[in-house]
Amino acid sequence: MNFKEEYFSLWSEVWQFHKEFADINGTDDEWQKVVDSAEEIVKRYEGKSKFEFVKSLVLAILNELERRDREKRENGQSSSKGINLKKE
């Protein structure tokens, strides 16, 4: 697989994940689906050369989804408690 094919496939998969969850309402069930889907994507690349790259992209998307959910909550548009992406 050449560079374009390899990265296009990877970016496409991560883009679909982002697109699927971009407008969630922030319920606990929805966040569980987000987390489960993110884990599935990352696990598919485990042990492969692009693992760290995919993990970074997925984490960036999770951060963006959390940021958007936080904004919705602050504006009274969501009843979500959000997720905590920070390691404790």
C-alpha atoms as a PDB file:
ATOM      1  CA  MET A   1       0.000   0.000   0.000  1.00  0.00           C
ATOM      2  CA  ASN A   2       1.432   3.379  -0.930  1.00  0.00           C
ATOM      3  CA  PHE A   3       1.427   6.493   1.233  1.00  0.00           C
ATOM      4  CA  LYS A   4      -1.771   7.926  -0.232  1.00  0.00           C
ATOM      5  CA  GLU A   5      -3.740   4.692   0.079  1.00  0.00           C
ATOM      6  CA  GLU A   6      -2.472   3.988   3.574  1.00  0.00           C
ATOM      7  CA  TYR A   7      -3.219   7.410   5.005  1.00  0.00           C
ATOM      8  CA  PHE A   8      -6.425   7.947   3.055  1.00  0.00           C
ATOM      9  CA  SER A   9      -7.847   4.757   4.512  1.00  0.00           C
ATOM     10  CA  LEU A  10      -6.781   5.710   8.030  1.00  0.00           C
ATOM     11  CA  TRP A  11      -8.065   9.300   7.823  1.00  0.00           C
ATOM     12  CA  SER A  12     -11.308   8.092   6.247  1.00  0.00           C
ATOM     13  CA  GLU A  13     -11.963   5.694   9.101  1.00  0.00           C
ATOM     14  CA  VAL A  14     -11.280   8.333  11.737  1.00  0.00           C
ATOM     15  CA  TRP A  15     -13.301  10.930   9.790  1.00  0.00           C
ATOM     16  CA  GLN A  16     -16.309   8.583   9.728  1.00  0.00           C
ATOM     17  CA  PHE A  17     -16.009   8.174  13.499  1.00  0.00           C
ATOM     18  CA  HIS A  18     -15.955  11.959  13.965  1.00  0.00           C
ATOM     19  CA  LYS A  19     -18.854  12.482  11.578  1.00  0.00           C
ATOM     20  CA  GLU A  20     -20.959   9.789  13.250  1.00  0.00           C
ATOM     21  CA  PHE A  21     -20.698  11.361  16.699  1.00  0.00           C
ATOM     22  CA  ALA A  22     -20.317  15.075  15.899  1.00  0.00           C
ATOM     23  CA  ASP A  23     -23.869  15.990  16.888  1.00  0.00           C
ATOM     24  CA  ILE A  24     -24.565  13.715  19.819  1.00  0.00           C
ATOM     25  CA  ASN A  25     -26.852  14.937  22.588  1.00  0.00           C
ATOM     26  CA  GLY A  26     -24.419  13.841  25.259  1.00  0.00           C
ATOM     27  CA  THR A  27     -26.412  11.143  27.030  1.00  0.00           C
ATOM     28  CA  ASP A  28     -24.563   8.456  28.950  1.00  0.00           C
ATOM     29  CA  ASP A  29     -25.607   5.859  26.354  1.00  0.00           C
ATOM     30  CA  GLU A  30     -24.268   8.012  23.512  1.00  0.00           C
ATOM     31  CA  TRP A  31     -20.967   8.597  25.287  1.00  0.00           C
ATOM     32  CA  GLN A  32     -20.632   4.862  25.853  1.00  0.00           C
ATOM     33  CA  LYS A  33     -21.081   4.312  22.107  1.00  0.00           C
ATOM     34  CA  VAL A  34     -18.441   6.976  21.403  1.00  0.00           C
ATOM     35  CA  VAL A  35     -15.946   5.353  23.762  1.00  0.00           C
ATOM     36  CA  ASP A  36     -16.666   1.851  22.465  1.00  0.00           C
ATOM     37  CA  SER A  37     -16.248   2.958  18.863  1.00  0.00           C
ATOM     38  CA  ALA A  38     -13.019   4.809  19.659  1.00  0.00           C
ATOM     39  CA  GLU A  39     -11.622   1.716  21.363  1.00  0.00           C
ATOM     40  CA  GLU A  40     -12.534  -0.450  18.364  1.00  0.00           C
ATOM     41  CA  ILE A  41     -10.685   1.841  15.975  1.00  0.00           C
ATOM     42  CA  VAL A  42      -7.568   2.060  18.128  1.00  0.00           C
ATOM     43  CA  LYS A  43      -7.504  -1.713  18.726  1.00  0.00           C
ATOM     44  CA  ARG A  44      -7.573  -2.360  14.964  1.00  0.00           C
ATOM     45  CA  TYR A  45      -4.229  -0.565  14.678  1.00  0.00           C
ATOM     46  CA  GLU A  46      -2.623  -2.075  17.775  1.00  0.00           C
ATOM     47  CA  GLY A  47       0.783  -3.505  16.917  1.00  0.00           C
ATOM     48  CA  LYS A  48       0.867  -1.695  13.568  1.00  0.00           C
ATOM     49  CA  SER A  49       3.152   1.120  12.520  1.00  0.00           C
ATOM     50  CA  LYS A  50       0.377   3.741  12.546  1.00  0.00           C
ATOM     51  CA  PHE A  51      -0.911   2.868  16.037  1.00  0.00           C
ATOM     52  CA  GLU A  52       0.355   6.014  17.802  1.00  0.00           C
ATOM     53  CA  PHE A  53      -0.857   8.213  14.949  1.00  0.00           C
ATOM     54  CA  VAL A  54      -4.372   6.716  15.002  1.00  0.00           C
ATOM     55  CA  LYS A  55      -4.489   6.903  18.788  1.00  0.00           C
ATOM     56  CA  SER A  56      -3.554  10.597  18.647  1.00  0.00           C
ATOM     57  CA  LEU A  57      -6.223  11.325  16.030  1.00  0.00           C
ATOM     58  CA  VAL A  58      -8.910   9.508  17.991  1.00  0.00           C
ATOM     59  CA  LEU A  59      -7.936  11.311  21.200  1.00  0.00           C
ATOM     60  CA  ALA A  60      -8.074  14.655  19.375  1.00  0.00           C
ATOM     61  CA  ILE A  61     -11.597  13.840  18.178  1.00  0.00           C
ATOM     62  CA  LEU A  62     -12.660  12.744  21.662  1.00  0.00           C
ATOM     63  CA  ASN A  63     -11.341  16.038  23.023  1.00  0.00           C
ATOM     64  CA  GLU A  64     -13.308  17.944  20.388  1.00  0.00           C
ATOM     65  CA  LEU A  65     -16.501  16.016  21.115  1.00  0.00           C
ATOM     66  CA  GLU A  66     -16.034  16.690  24.833  1.00  0.00           C
ATOM     67  CA  ARG A  67     -15.406  20.397  24.174  1.00  0.00           C
ATOM     68  CA  ARG A  68     -18.562  20.672  22.069  1.00  0.00           C
ATOM     69  CA  ASP A  69     -20.597  18.793  24.672  1.00  0.00           C
ATOM     70  CA  ARG A  70     -19.266  21.079  27.408  1.00  0.00           C
ATOM     71  CA  GLU A  71     -20.308  24.131  25.354  1.00  0.00           C
ATOM     72  CA  LYS A  72     -23.792  22.676  24.878  1.00  0.00           C
ATOM     73  CA  ARG A  73     -24.096  22.046  28.622  1.00  0.00           C
ATOM     74  CA  GLU A  74     -22.938  25.562  29.435  1.00  0.00           C
ATOM     75  CA  ASN A  75     -25.552  26.952  27.040  1.00  0.00           C
ATOM     76  CA  GLY A  76     -28.268  24.690  28.461  1.00  0.00           C
ATOM     77  CA  GLN A  77     -28.509  22.624  25.275  1.00  0.00           C
ATOM     78  CA  SER A  78     -27.430  19.299  26.808  1.00  0.00           C
ATOM     79  CA  SER A  79     -28.150  17.404  29.985  1.00  0.00           C
ATOM     80  CA  SER A  80     -24.923  15.417  29.728  1.00  0.00           C
ATOM     81  CA  LYS A  81     -22.443  15.092  32.534  1.00  0.00           C
ATOM     82  CA  GLY A  82     -19.764  14.732  29.867  1.00  0.00           C
ATOM     83  CA  ILE A  83     -16.799  12.411  29.955  1.00  0.00           C
ATOM     84  CA  ASN A  84     -13.483  12.759  31.674  1.00  0.00           C
ATOM     85  CA  LEU A  85     -10.602  12.153  29.271  1.00  0.00           C
ATOM     86  CA  LYS A  86      -7.934  13.081  31.788  1.00  0.00           C
ATOM     87  CA  LYS A  87      -6.054  10.263  33.508  1.00  0.00           C
ATOM     88  CA  GLU A  88      -6.478  10.290  37.241  1.00  0.00           C
END
